[in-house]
Amino acid sequence: MDIDVIHKALANPVRRQILEWLKAPEQYFAHQAHPLHLGVCAGLIDERAGLSQSTVSAHLAVLQRAGLIEAQREGQWVFFKRNEATIKAFLESLNDRL
């Protein structure tokens, strides 16, 4: 876990918002046709964010590189969900250090 990379990922409000949505996918993406245990389809994140697909993809890539989300491909779709283990370790690290 690279704490500096995580801090940089969390510095952007759009990325923090995406993490919040992915924390409660049943609240924000209940209309998804695929089971939410797979994660949330990238297209639905694009729609909710109201940003271009390329912009949202860039944000998702930063979150993924930081280890905060995981991606899973199912056919033509890519689903994203939070990496709770990394998020927990990061929060514990903050708590221990500060």
PDB file of N, CA and C in Angstrom:
ATOM      1  N   MET A   1       0.851  -1.176   0.000  1.00  0.00           N
ATOM      2  CA  MET A   1       0.000   0.000   0.000  1.00  0.00           C
ATOM      3  C   MET A   1       0.897   1.240   0.000  1.00  0.00           C
ATOM      4  N   ASP A   2       0.686   2.102  -0.961  1.00  0.00           N
ATOM      5  CA  ASP A   2       1.439   3.350  -1.061  1.00  0.00           C
ATOM      6  C   ASP A   2       0.533   4.484  -0.572  1.00  0.00           C
ATOM      7  N   ILE A   3       0.784   4.928   0.636  1.00  0.00           N
ATOM      8  CA  ILE A   3      -0.076   5.940   1.268  1.00  0.00           C
ATOM      9  C   ILE A   3      -0.100   7.234   0.467  1.00  0.00           C
ATOM     10  N   ASP A   4       1.013   7.635  -0.107  1.00  0.00           N
ATOM     11  CA  ASP A   4       1.055   8.870  -0.883  1.00  0.00           C
ATOM     12  C   ASP A   4       0.185   8.776  -2.135  1.00  0.00           C
ATOM     13  N   VAL A   5       0.207   7.626  -2.795  1.00  0.00           N
ATOM     14  CA  VAL A   5      -0.632   7.428  -3.983  1.00  0.00           C
ATOM     15  C   VAL A   5      -2.105   7.478  -3.590  1.00  0.00           C
ATOM     16  N   ILE A   6      -2.436   6.894  -2.448  1.00  0.00           N
ATOM     17  CA  ILE A   6      -3.823   6.924  -1.985  1.00  0.00           C
ATOM     18  C   ILE A   6      -4.249   8.351  -1.662  1.00  0.00           C
ATOM     19  N   HIS A   7      -3.398   9.111  -0.986  1.00  0.00           N
ATOM     20  CA  HIS A   7      -3.724  10.506  -0.681  1.00  0.00           C
ATOM     21  C   HIS A   7      -3.964  11.306  -1.958  1.00  0.00           C
ATOM     22  N   LYS A   8      -3.130  11.099  -2.952  1.00  0.00           N
ATOM     23  CA  LYS A   8      -3.306  11.815  -4.222  1.00  0.00           C
ATOM     24  C   LYS A   8      -4.611  11.419  -4.890  1.00  0.00           C
ATOM     25  N   ALA A   9      -4.960  10.130  -4.812  1.00  0.00           N
ATOM     26  CA  ALA A   9      -6.225   9.676  -5.409  1.00  0.00           C
ATOM     27  C   ALA A   9      -7.410  10.309  -4.694  1.00  0.00           C
ATOM     28  N   LEU A  10      -7.306  10.430  -3.393  1.00  0.00           N
ATOM     29  CA  LEU A  10      -8.410  10.981  -2.601  1.00  0.00           C
ATOM     30  C   LEU A  10      -8.472  12.503  -2.637  1.00  0.00           C
ATOM     31  N   ALA A  11      -7.474  13.139  -3.217  1.00  0.00           N
ATOM     32  CA  ALA A  11      -7.450  14.600  -3.280  1.00  0.00           C
ATOM     33  C   ALA A  11      -8.506  15.165  -4.226  1.00  0.00           C
ATOM     34  N   ASN A  12      -9.033  14.326  -5.105  1.00  0.00           N
ATOM     35  CA  ASN A  12     -10.008  14.792  -6.085  1.00  0.00           C
ATOM     36  C   ASN A  12     -11.431  14.485  -5.600  1.00  0.00           C
ATOM     37  N   PRO A  13     -12.323  15.484  -5.574  1.00  0.00           N
ATOM     38  CA  PRO A  13     -13.687  15.263  -5.075  1.00  0.00           C
ATOM     39  C   PRO A  13     -14.496  14.267  -5.912  1.00  0.00           C
ATOM     40  N   VAL A  14     -14.246  14.190  -7.197  1.00  0.00           N
ATOM     41  CA  VAL A  14     -14.971  13.228  -8.036  1.00  0.00           C
ATOM     42  C   VAL A  14     -14.602  11.800  -7.626  1.00  0.00           C
ATOM     43  N   ARG A  15     -13.334  11.573  -7.375  1.00  0.00           N
ATOM     44  CA  ARG A  15     -12.907  10.232  -6.967  1.00  0.00           C
ATOM     45  C   ARG A  15     -13.463   9.863  -5.598  1.00  0.00           C
ATOM     46  N   ARG A  16     -13.521  10.833  -4.686  1.00  0.00           N
ATOM     47  CA  ARG A  16     -14.133  10.559  -3.377  1.00  0.00           C
ATOM     48  C   ARG A  16     -15.617  10.251  -3.550  1.00  0.00           C
ATOM     49  N   GLN A  17     -16.276  10.950  -4.461  1.00  0.00           N
ATOM     50  CA  GLN A  17     -17.697  10.703  -4.712  1.00  0.00           C
ATOM     51  C   GLN A  17     -17.912   9.302  -5.276  1.00  0.00           C
ATOM     52  N   ILE A  18     -17.071   8.883  -6.190  1.00  0.00           N
ATOM     53  CA  ILE A  18     -17.178   7.535  -6.759  1.00  0.00           C
ATOM     54  C   ILE A  18     -17.034   6.493  -5.654  1.00  0.00           C
ATOM     55  N   LEU A  19     -16.072   6.679  -4.760  1.00  0.00           N
ATOM     56  CA  LEU A  19     -15.902   5.743  -3.651  1.00  0.00           C
ATOM     57  C   LEU A  19     -17.143   5.712  -2.762  1.00  0.00           C
ATOM     58  N   GLU A  20     -17.750   6.861  -2.556  1.00  0.00           N
ATOM     59  CA  GLU A  20     -18.983   6.916  -1.751  1.00  0.00           C
ATOM     60  C   GLU A  20     -20.107   6.144  -2.440  1.00  0.00           C
ATOM     61  N   TRP A  21     -20.253   6.337  -3.737  1.00  0.00           N
ATOM     62  CA  TRP A  21     -21.294   5.603  -4.479  1.00  0.00           C
ATOM     63  C   TRP A  21     -21.061   4.108  -4.408  1.00  0.00           C
ATOM     64  N   LEU A  22     -19.796   3.702  -4.550  1.00  0.00           N
ATOM     65  CA  LEU A  22     -19.483   2.274  -4.540  1.00  0.00           C
ATOM     66  C   LEU A  22     -19.623   1.666  -3.146  1.00  0.00           C
ATOM     67  N   LYS A  23     -19.636   2.507  -2.127  1.00  0.00           N
ATOM     68  CA  LYS A  23     -19.833   2.011  -0.767  1.00  0.00           C
ATOM     69  C   LYS A  23     -21.265   1.519  -0.571  1.00  0.00           C
ATOM     70  N   ALA A  24     -22.210   2.140  -1.261  1.00  0.00           N
ATOM     71  CA  ALA A  24     -23.625   1.773  -1.148  1.00  0.00           C
ATOM     72  C   ALA A  24     -24.226   1.613  -2.549  1.00  0.00           C
ATOM     73  N   PRO A  25     -23.759   0.627  -3.315  1.00  0.00           N
ATOM     74  CA  PRO A  25     -24.224   0.500  -4.700  1.00  0.00           C
ATOM     75  C   PRO A  25     -25.729   0.272  -4.813  1.00  0.00           C
ATOM     76  N   GLU A  26     -26.322  -0.389  -3.821  1.00  0.00           N
ATOM     77  CA  GLU A  26     -27.768  -0.629  -3.873  1.00  0.00           C
ATOM     78  C   GLU A  26     -28.549   0.681  -3.761  1.00  0.00           C
ATOM     79  N   GLN A  27     -27.964   1.692  -3.164  1.00  0.00           N
ATOM     80  CA  GLN A  27     -28.604   3.003  -3.048  1.00  0.00           C
ATOM     81  C   GLN A  27     -28.470   3.807  -4.339  1.00  0.00           C
ATOM     82  N   TYR A  28     -27.320   3.738  -4.975  1.00  0.00           N
ATOM     83  CA  TYR A  28     -27.035   4.586  -6.122  1.00  0.00           C
ATOM     84  C   TYR A  28     -27.199   3.892  -7.476  1.00  0.00           C
ATOM     85  N   PHE A  29     -27.139   2.562  -7.486  1.00  0.00           N
ATOM     86  CA  PHE A  29     -27.154   1.837  -8.757  1.00  0.00           C
ATOM     87  C   PHE A  29     -28.121   0.654  -8.726  1.00  0.00           C
ATOM     88  N   ALA A  30     -29.219   0.794  -8.006  1.00  0.00           N
ATOM     89  CA  ALA A  30     -30.179  -0.305  -7.844  1.00  0.00           C
ATOM     90  C   ALA A  30     -30.757  -0.761  -9.181  1.00  0.00           C
ATOM     91  N   HIS A  31     -30.770   0.107 -10.165  1.00  0.00           N
ATOM     92  CA  HIS A  31     -31.353  -0.212 -11.476  1.00  0.00           C
ATOM     93  C   HIS A  31     -30.410  -1.017 -12.378  1.00  0.00           C
ATOM     94  N   GLN A  32     -29.202  -1.319 -11.884  1.00  0.00           N
ATOM     95  CA  GLN A  32     -28.259  -2.087 -12.703  1.00  0.00           C
ATOM     96  C   GLN A  32     -28.840  -3.469 -13.018  1.00  0.00           C
ATOM     97  N   ALA A  33     -28.743  -3.875 -14.261  1.00  0.00           N
ATOM     98  CA  ALA A  33     -29.292  -5.162 -14.691  1.00  0.00           C
ATOM     99  C   ALA A  33     -28.500  -6.350 -14.140  1.00  0.00           C
ATOM    100  N   HIS A  34     -27.207  -6.187 -13.979  1.00  0.00           N
ATOM    101  CA  HIS A  34     -26.349  -7.266 -13.472  1.00  0.00           C
ATOM    102  C   HIS A  34     -26.323  -7.230 -11.944  1.00  0.00           C
ATOM    103  N   PRO A  35     -26.060  -8.363 -11.306  1.00  0.00           N
ATOM    104  CA  PRO A  35     -25.998  -8.399  -9.837  1.00  0.00           C
ATOM    105  C   PRO A  35     -24.923  -7.447  -9.305  1.00  0.00           C
ATOM    106  N   LEU A  36     -25.258  -6.717  -8.261  1.00  0.00           N
ATOM    107  CA  LEU A  36     -24.335  -5.731  -7.707  1.00  0.00           C
ATOM    108  C   LEU A  36     -23.124  -6.360  -7.018  1.00  0.00           C
ATOM    109  N   HIS A  37     -23.188  -7.651  -6.699  1.00  0.00           N
ATOM    110  CA  HIS A  37     -22.014  -8.276  -6.079  1.00  0.00           C
ATOM    111  C   HIS A  37     -20.827  -8.319  -7.049  1.00  0.00           C
ATOM    112  N   LEU A  38     -21.114  -8.176  -8.357  1.00  0.00           N
ATOM    113  CA  LEU A  38     -20.039  -8.094  -9.351  1.00  0.00           C
ATOM    114  C   LEU A  38     -19.324  -6.750  -9.278  1.00  0.00           C
ATOM    115  N   GLY A  39     -20.025  -5.748  -8.775  1.00  0.00           N
ATOM    116  CA  GLY A  39     -19.555  -4.376  -8.794  1.00  0.00           C
ATOM    117  C   GLY A  39     -20.520  -3.544  -9.606  1.00  0.00           C
ATOM    118  N   VAL A  40     -20.132  -2.337  -9.913  1.00  0.00           N
ATOM    119  CA  VAL A  40     -20.973  -1.405 -10.669  1.00  0.00           C
ATOM    120  C   VAL A  40     -20.369  -1.218 -12.054  1.00  0.00           C
ATOM    121  N   CYS A  41     -21.218  -1.307 -13.052  1.00  0.00           N
ATOM    122  CA  CYS A  41     -20.805  -1.150 -14.447  1.00  0.00           C
ATOM    123  C   CYS A  41     -20.253   0.266 -14.670  1.00  0.00           C
ATOM    124  N   ALA A  42     -19.147   0.336 -15.367  1.00  0.00           N
ATOM    125  CA  ALA A  42     -18.496   1.618 -15.629  1.00  0.00           C
ATOM    126  C   ALA A  42     -19.449   2.612 -16.282  1.00  0.00           C
ATOM    127  N   GLY A  43     -20.305   2.144 -17.166  1.00  0.00           N
ATOM    128  CA  GLY A  43     -21.242   3.037 -17.845  1.00  0.00           C
ATOM    129  C   GLY A  43     -22.193   3.732 -16.896  1.00  0.00           C
ATOM    130  N   LEU A  44     -22.612   3.028 -15.847  1.00  0.00           N
ATOM    131  CA  LEU A  44     -23.511   3.635 -14.863  1.00  0.00           C
ATOM    132  C   LEU A  44     -22.781   4.670 -14.015  1.00  0.00           C
ATOM    133  N   ILE A  45     -21.508   4.431 -13.755  1.00  0.00           N
ATOM    134  CA  ILE A  45     -20.711   5.428 -13.031  1.00  0.00           C
ATOM    135  C   ILE A  45     -20.571   6.680 -13.893  1.00  0.00           C
ATOM    136  N   ASP A  46     -20.340   6.481 -15.192  1.00  0.00           N
ATOM    137  CA  ASP A  46     -20.264   7.616 -16.132  1.00  0.00           C
ATOM    138  C   ASP A  46     -21.540   8.447 -16.070  1.00  0.00           C
ATOM    139  N   GLU A  47     -22.684   7.770 -16.155  1.00  0.00           N
ATOM    140  CA  GLU A  47     -23.983   8.457 -16.140  1.00  0.00           C
ATOM    141  C   GLU A  47     -24.169   9.258 -14.861  1.00  0.00           C
ATOM    142  N   ARG A  48     -23.922   8.630 -13.728  1.00  0.00           N
ATOM    143  CA  ARG A  48     -24.132   9.293 -12.440  1.00  0.00           C
ATOM    144  C   ARG A  48     -23.200  10.482 -12.277  1.00  0.00           C
ATOM    145  N   ALA A  49     -21.969  10.344 -12.728  1.00  0.00           N
ATOM    146  CA  ALA A  49     -20.991  11.431 -12.584  1.00  0.00           C
ATOM    147  C   ALA A  49     -21.323  12.618 -13.487  1.00  0.00           C
ATOM    148  N   GLY A  50     -21.994  12.349 -14.605  1.00  0.00           N
ATOM    149  CA  GLY A  50     -22.313  13.416 -15.538  1.00  0.00           C
ATOM    150  C   GLY A  50     -21.094  13.949 -16.267  1.00  0.00           C
ATOM    151  N   LEU A  51     -20.079  13.115 -16.347  1.00  0.00           N
ATOM    152  CA  LEU A  51     -18.846  13.492 -17.032  1.00  0.00           C
ATOM    153  C   LEU A  51     -18.643  12.573 -18.226  1.00  0.00           C
ATOM    154  N   SER A  52     -17.716  12.930 -19.077  1.00  0.00           N
ATOM    155  CA  SER A  52     -17.445  12.101 -20.246  1.00  0.00           C
ATOM    156  C   SER A  52     -16.887  10.749 -19.810  1.00  0.00           C
ATOM    157  N   GLN A  53     -17.060   9.770 -20.670  1.00  0.00           N
ATOM    158  CA  GLN A  53     -16.564   8.416 -20.396  1.00  0.00           C
ATOM    159  C   GLN A  53     -15.060   8.442 -20.180  1.00  0.00           C
ATOM    160  N   SER A  54     -14.347   9.216 -20.983  1.00  0.00           N
ATOM    161  CA  SER A  54     -12.885   9.242 -20.855  1.00  0.00           C
ATOM    162  C   SER A  54     -12.450   9.869 -19.536  1.00  0.00           C
ATOM    163  N   THR A  55     -13.153  10.884 -19.078  1.00  0.00           N
ATOM    164  CA  THR A  55     -12.821  11.523 -17.800  1.00  0.00           C
ATOM    165  C   THR A  55     -13.056  10.565 -16.641  1.00  0.00           C
ATOM    166  N   VAL A  56     -14.205   9.888 -16.654  1.00  0.00           N
ATOM    167  CA  VAL A  56     -14.513   8.938 -15.590  1.00  0.00           C
ATOM    168  C   VAL A  56     -13.543   7.765 -15.636  1.00  0.00           C
ATOM    169  N   SER A  57     -13.198   7.306 -16.818  1.00  0.00           N
ATOM    170  CA  SER A  57     -12.214   6.220 -16.943  1.00  0.00           C
ATOM    171  C   SER A  57     -10.880   6.610 -16.325  1.00  0.00           C
ATOM    172  N   ALA A  58     -10.475   7.847 -16.534  1.00  0.00           N
ATOM    173  CA  ALA A  58      -9.223   8.330 -15.948  1.00  0.00           C
ATOM    174  C   ALA A  58      -9.316   8.325 -14.422  1.00  0.00           C
ATOM    175  N   HIS A  59     -10.436   8.769 -13.877  1.00  0.00           N
ATOM    176  CA  HIS A  59     -10.627   8.750 -12.426  1.00  0.00           C
ATOM    177  C   HIS A  59     -10.615   7.319 -11.890  1.00  0.00           C
ATOM    178  N   LEU A  60     -11.284   6.418 -12.575  1.00  0.00           N
ATOM    179  CA  LEU A  60     -11.315   5.018 -12.148  1.00  0.00           C
ATOM    180  C   LEU A  60      -9.914   4.409 -12.190  1.00  0.00           C
ATOM    181  N   ALA A  61      -9.141   4.772 -13.196  1.00  0.00           N
ATOM    182  CA  ALA A  61      -7.777   4.257 -13.311  1.00  0.00           C
ATOM    183  C   ALA A  61      -6.913   4.723 -12.139  1.00  0.00           C
ATOM    184  N   VAL A  62      -7.078   5.973 -11.733  1.00  0.00           N
ATOM    185  CA  VAL A  62      -6.312   6.489 -10.592  1.00  0.00           C
ATOM    186  C   VAL A  62      -6.699   5.735  -9.323  1.00  0.00           C
ATOM    187  N   LEU A  63      -7.998   5.533  -9.116  1.00  0.00           N
ATOM    188  CA  LEU A  63      -8.460   4.791  -7.941  1.00  0.00           C
ATOM    189  C   LEU A  63      -7.960   3.350  -7.961  1.00  0.00           C
ATOM    190  N   GLN A  64      -7.938   2.767  -9.141  1.00  0.00           N
ATOM    191  CA  GLN A  64      -7.471   1.385  -9.271  1.00  0.00           C
ATOM    192  C   GLN A  64      -5.972   1.288  -9.002  1.00  0.00           C
ATOM    193  N   ARG A  65      -5.184   2.203  -9.538  1.00  0.00           N
ATOM    194  CA  ARG A  65      -3.734   2.207  -9.293  1.00  0.00           C
ATOM    195  C   ARG A  65      -3.419   2.393  -7.809  1.00  0.00           C
ATOM    196  N   ALA A  66      -4.270   3.152  -7.128  1.00  0.00           N
ATOM    197  CA  ALA A  66      -4.080   3.372  -5.693  1.00  0.00           C
ATOM    198  C   ALA A  66      -4.520   2.163  -4.874  1.00  0.00           C
ATOM    199  N   GLY A  67      -5.184   1.215  -5.520  1.00  0.00           N
ATOM    200  CA  GLY A  67      -5.650   0.022  -4.826  1.00  0.00           C
ATOM    201  C   GLY A  67      -6.969   0.205  -4.110  1.00  0.00           C
ATOM    202  N   LEU A  68      -7.648   1.328  -4.355  1.00  0.00           N
ATOM    203  CA  LEU A  68      -8.902   1.623  -3.657  1.00  0.00           C
ATOM    204  C   LEU A  68     -10.113   0.943  -4.283  1.00  0.00           C
ATOM    205  N   ILE A  69     -10.003   0.576  -5.568  1.00  0.00           N
ATOM    206  CA  ILE A  69     -11.080  -0.153  -6.240  1.00  0.00           C
ATOM    207  C   ILE A  69     -10.483  -1.311  -7.019  1.00  0.00           C
ATOM    208  N   GLU A  70     -11.346  -2.249  -7.341  1.00  0.00           N
ATOM    209  CA  GLU A  70     -10.970  -3.406  -8.151  1.00  0.00           C
ATOM    210  C   GLU A  70     -11.894  -3.453  -9.356  1.00  0.00           C
ATOM    211  N   ALA A  71     -11.385  -3.954 -10.457  1.00  0.00           N
ATOM    212  CA  ALA A  71     -12.166  -4.095 -11.673  1.00  0.00           C
ATOM    213  C   ALA A  71     -12.320  -5.567 -12.012  1.00  0.00           C
ATOM    214  N   GLN A  72     -13.479  -5.898 -12.548  1.00  0.00           N
ATOM    215  CA  GLN A  72     -13.745  -7.266 -12.999  1.00  0.00           C
ATOM    216  C   GLN A  72     -14.457  -7.186 -14.344  1.00  0.00           C
ATOM    217  N   ARG A  73     -13.907  -7.867 -15.335  1.00  0.00           N
ATOM    218  CA  ARG A  73     -14.515  -7.886 -16.662  1.00  0.00           C
ATOM    219  C   ARG A  73     -15.447  -9.073 -16.759  1.00  0.00           C
ATOM    220  N   GLU A  74     -16.653  -8.807 -17.234  1.00  0.00           N
ATOM    221  CA  GLU A  74     -17.660  -9.842 -17.512  1.00  0.00           C
ATOM    222  C   GLU A  74     -18.171  -9.569 -18.920  1.00  0.00           C
ATOM    223  N   GLY A  75     -17.700 -10.352 -19.873  1.00  0.00           N
ATOM    224  CA  GLY A  75     -18.103 -10.116 -21.263  1.00  0.00           C
ATOM    225  C   GLY A  75     -17.638  -8.753 -21.721  1.00  0.00           C
ATOM    226  N   GLN A  76     -18.573  -7.950 -22.199  1.00  0.00           N
ATOM    227  CA  GLN A  76     -18.225  -6.620 -22.709  1.00  0.00           C
ATOM    228  C   GLN A  76     -18.223  -5.542 -21.625  1.00  0.00           C
ATOM    229  N   TRP A  77     -18.608  -5.898 -20.408  1.00  0.00           N
ATOM    230  CA  TRP A  77     -18.718  -4.925 -19.331  1.00  0.00           C
ATOM    231  C   TRP A  77     -17.557  -5.036 -18.356  1.00  0.00           C
ATOM    232  N   VAL A  78     -17.226  -3.895 -17.762  1.00  0.00           N
ATOM    233  CA  VAL A  78     -16.250  -3.859 -16.678  1.00  0.00           C
ATOM    234  C   VAL A  78     -16.987  -3.333 -15.451  1.00  0.00           C
ATOM    235  N   PHE A  79     -16.856  -4.075 -14.356  1.00  0.00           N
ATOM    236  CA  PHE A  79     -17.521  -3.730 -13.112  1.00  0.00           C
ATOM    237  C   PHE A  79     -16.474  -3.315 -12.086  1.00  0.00           C
ATOM    238  N   PHE A  80     -16.822  -2.303 -11.305  1.00  0.00           N
ATOM    239  CA  PHE A  80     -15.913  -1.781 -10.295  1.00  0.00           C
ATOM    240  C   PHE A  80     -16.537  -1.900  -8.914  1.00  0.00           C
ATOM    241  N   LYS A  81     -15.694  -2.258  -7.949  1.00  0.00           N
ATOM    242  CA  LYS A  81     -16.129  -2.253  -6.557  1.00  0.00           C
ATOM    243  C   LYS A  81     -14.958  -1.830  -5.687  1.00  0.00           C
ATOM    244  N   ARG A  82     -15.295  -1.396  -4.490  1.00  0.00           N
ATOM    245  CA  ARG A  82     -14.281  -0.936  -3.548  1.00  0.00           C
ATOM    246  C   ARG A  82     -13.404  -2.095  -3.086  1.00  0.00           C
ATOM    247  N   ASN A  83     -12.158  -1.786  -2.838  1.00  0.00           N
ATOM    248  CA  ASN A  83     -11.237  -2.748  -2.238  1.00  0.00           C
ATOM    249  C   ASN A  83     -11.231  -2.433  -0.744  1.00  0.00           C
ATOM    250  N   GLU A  84     -12.139  -3.079  -0.028  1.00  0.00           N
ATOM    251  CA  GLU A  84     -12.335  -2.767   1.389  1.00  0.00           C
ATOM    252  C   GLU A  84     -11.090  -3.069   2.220  1.00  0.00           C
ATOM    253  N   ALA A  85     -10.322  -4.079   1.852  1.00  0.00           N
ATOM    254  CA  ALA A  85      -9.116  -4.409   2.609  1.00  0.00           C
ATOM    255  C   ALA A  85      -8.108  -3.262   2.553  1.00  0.00           C
ATOM    256  N   THR A  86      -7.902  -2.695   1.388  1.00  0.00           N
ATOM    257  CA  THR A  86      -6.964  -1.577   1.257  1.00  0.00           C
ATOM    258  C   THR A  86      -7.490  -0.343   1.973  1.00  0.00           C
ATOM    259  N   ILE A  87      -8.774  -0.071   1.825  1.00  0.00           N
ATOM    260  CA  ILE A  87      -9.366   1.095   2.488  1.00  0.00           C
ATOM    261  C   ILE A  87      -9.220   0.961   4.002  1.00  0.00           C
ATOM    262  N   LYS A  88      -9.492  -0.221   4.532  1.00  0.00           N
ATOM    263  CA  LYS A  88      -9.366  -0.456   5.970  1.00  0.00           C
ATOM    264  C   LYS A  88      -7.921  -0.280   6.423  1.00  0.00           C
ATOM    265  N   ALA A  89      -6.980  -0.846   5.680  1.00  0.00           N
ATOM    266  CA  ALA A  89      -5.560  -0.727   6.032  1.00  0.00           C
ATOM    267  C   ALA A  89      -5.113   0.733   5.997  1.00  0.00           C
ATOM    268  N   PHE A  90      -5.578   1.479   5.010  1.00  0.00           N
ATOM    269  CA  PHE A  90      -5.227   2.896   4.899  1.00  0.00           C
ATOM    270  C   PHE A  90      -5.760   3.668   6.109  1.00  0.00           C
ATOM    271  N   LEU A  91      -7.013   3.442   6.459  1.00  0.00           N
ATOM    272  CA  LEU A  91      -7.614   4.153   7.598  1.00  0.00           C
ATOM    273  C   LEU A  91      -6.913   3.782   8.907  1.00  0.00           C
ATOM    274  N   GLU A  92      -6.568   2.525   9.062  1.00  0.00           N
ATOM    275  CA  GLU A  92      -5.836   2.101  10.262  1.00  0.00           C
ATOM    276  C   GLU A  92      -4.465   2.757  10.317  1.00  0.00           C
ATOM    277  N   SER A  93      -3.822   2.847   9.178  1.00  0.00           N
ATOM    278  CA  SER A  93      -2.509   3.484   9.104  1.00  0.00           C
ATOM    279  C   SER A  93      -2.613   4.957   9.507  1.00  0.00           C
ATOM    280  N   LEU A  94      -3.628   5.644   9.032  1.00  0.00           N
ATOM    281  CA  LEU A  94      -3.835   7.036   9.414  1.00  0.00           C
ATOM    282  C   LEU A  94      -4.061   7.156  10.908  1.00  0.00           C
ATOM    283  N   ASN A  95      -4.891   6.295  11.423  1.00  0.00           N
ATOM    284  CA  ASN A  95      -5.209   6.320  12.838  1.00  0.00           C
ATOM    285  C   ASN A  95      -3.968   6.057  13.695  1.00  0.00           C
ATOM    286  N   ASP A  96      -3.132   5.133  13.251  1.00  0.00           N
ATOM    287  CA  ASP A  96      -1.928   4.796  13.997  1.00  0.00           C
ATOM    288  C   ASP A  96      -0.877   5.902  13.952  1.00  0.00           C
ATOM    289  N   ARG A  97      -0.797   6.583  12.828  1.00  0.00           N
ATOM    290  CA  ARG A  97       0.266   7.567  12.619  1.00  0.00           C
ATOM    291  C   ARG A  97      -0.096   8.980  13.081  1.00  0.00           C
ATOM    292  N   LEU A  98      -1.383   9.291  13.065  1.00  0.00           N
ATOM    293  CA  LEU A  98      -1.763  10.674  13.396  1.00  0.00           C
ATOM    294  C   LEU A  98      -2.424  10.755  14.752  1.00  0.00           C
TER     295      LEU A  98
END
